[in-house]
Amino acid sequence: MKSSQSGAKLSLVVISIIVLGVSAWFNQANAEDSPSKTQTQSELTIAD
């Protein structure tokens, strides 16, 4: 039981790191194409 719990936590950490890496790369690619300020503003309006 304990080993399965640690494995689940490890997979959660790995998934979160991958998501963070992809989002950071995606934001960097968008920043090259268009101003990053407009991108963050649109994301904030969607979140609200």
C-alpha atoms as a PDB file:
ATOM      1  CA  MET A   1       0.000   0.000   0.000  1.00  0.00           C
ATOM      2  CA  LYS A   2       2.748   2.449   0.932  1.00  0.00           C
ATOM      3  CA  SER A   3       4.692   1.796  -2.279  1.00  0.00           C
ATOM      4  CA  SER A   4       1.614   2.486  -4.420  1.00  0.00           C
ATOM      5  CA  GLN A   5       1.001   5.771  -2.590  1.00  0.00           C
ATOM      6  CA  SER A   6       4.588   6.935  -3.135  1.00  0.00           C
ATOM      7  CA  GLY A   7       4.310   5.924  -6.805  1.00  0.00           C
ATOM      8  CA  ALA A   8       1.131   7.982  -7.180  1.00  0.00           C
ATOM      9  CA  LYS A   9       2.809  10.999  -5.574  1.00  0.00           C
ATOM     10  CA  LEU A  10       5.838  10.579  -7.849  1.00  0.00           C
ATOM     11  CA  SER A  11       3.654  10.401 -10.972  1.00  0.00           C
ATOM     12  CA  LEU A  12       1.745  13.489  -9.797  1.00  0.00           C
ATOM     13  CA  VAL A  13       5.024  15.398  -9.418  1.00  0.00           C
ATOM     14  CA  VAL A  14       6.248  14.247 -12.827  1.00  0.00           C
ATOM     15  CA  ILE A  15       2.968  15.229 -14.506  1.00  0.00           C
ATOM     16  CA  SER A  16       2.982  18.672 -12.847  1.00  0.00           C
ATOM     17  CA  ILE A  17       6.589  19.254 -13.961  1.00  0.00           C
ATOM     18  CA  ILE A  18       5.716  18.274 -17.541  1.00  0.00           C
ATOM     19  CA  VAL A  19       2.670  20.579 -17.537  1.00  0.00           C
ATOM     20  CA  LEU A  20       4.756  23.463 -16.174  1.00  0.00           C
ATOM     21  CA  GLY A  21       7.443  22.868 -18.781  1.00  0.00           C
ATOM     22  CA  VAL A  22       4.944  22.734 -21.662  1.00  0.00           C
ATOM     23  CA  SER A  23       3.123  25.863 -20.470  1.00  0.00           C
ATOM     24  CA  ALA A  24       6.417  27.740 -20.088  1.00  0.00           C
ATOM     25  CA  TRP A  25       7.513  26.702 -23.599  1.00  0.00           C
ATOM     26  CA  PHE A  26       4.089  27.636 -24.970  1.00  0.00           C
ATOM     27  CA  ASN A  27       4.234  31.066 -23.325  1.00  0.00           C
ATOM     28  CA  GLN A  28       7.744  31.610 -24.682  1.00  0.00           C
ATOM     29  CA  ALA A  29       6.602  30.715 -28.214  1.00  0.00           C
ATOM     30  CA  ASN A  30       3.648  33.112 -27.901  1.00  0.00           C
ATOM     31  CA  ALA A  31       5.910  35.878 -26.592  1.00  0.00           C
ATOM     32  CA  GLU A  32       8.014  35.592 -29.764  1.00  0.00           C
ATOM     33  CA  ASP A  33       4.971  35.920 -32.018  1.00  0.00           C
ATOM     34  CA  SER A  34       2.990  38.596 -30.157  1.00  0.00           C
ATOM     35  CA  PRO A  35       3.469  40.901 -27.125  1.00  0.00           C
ATOM     36  CA  SER A  36       3.249  38.928 -23.885  1.00  0.00           C
ATOM     37  CA  LYS A  37       1.194  41.663 -22.168  1.00  0.00           C
ATOM     38  CA  THR A  38      -1.862  41.064 -24.363  1.00  0.00           C
ATOM     39  CA  GLN A  39      -1.542  37.302 -23.797  1.00  0.00           C
ATOM     40  CA  THR A  40      -1.558  37.637 -20.003  1.00  0.00           C
ATOM     41  CA  GLN A  41      -4.510  40.038 -20.111  1.00  0.00           C
ATOM     42  CA  SER A  42      -6.599  37.616 -22.185  1.00  0.00           C
ATOM     43  CA  GLU A  43      -5.705  34.752 -19.830  1.00  0.00           C
ATOM     44  CA  LEU A  44      -6.782  36.817 -16.818  1.00  0.00           C
ATOM     45  CA  THR A  45     -10.158  37.618 -18.385  1.00  0.00           C
ATOM     46  CA  ILE A  46     -10.727  33.917 -19.166  1.00  0.00           C
ATOM     47  CA  ALA A  47      -9.846  32.974 -15.571  1.00  0.00           C
ATOM     48  CA  ASP A  48     -12.329  35.510 -14.187  1.00  0.00           C
END
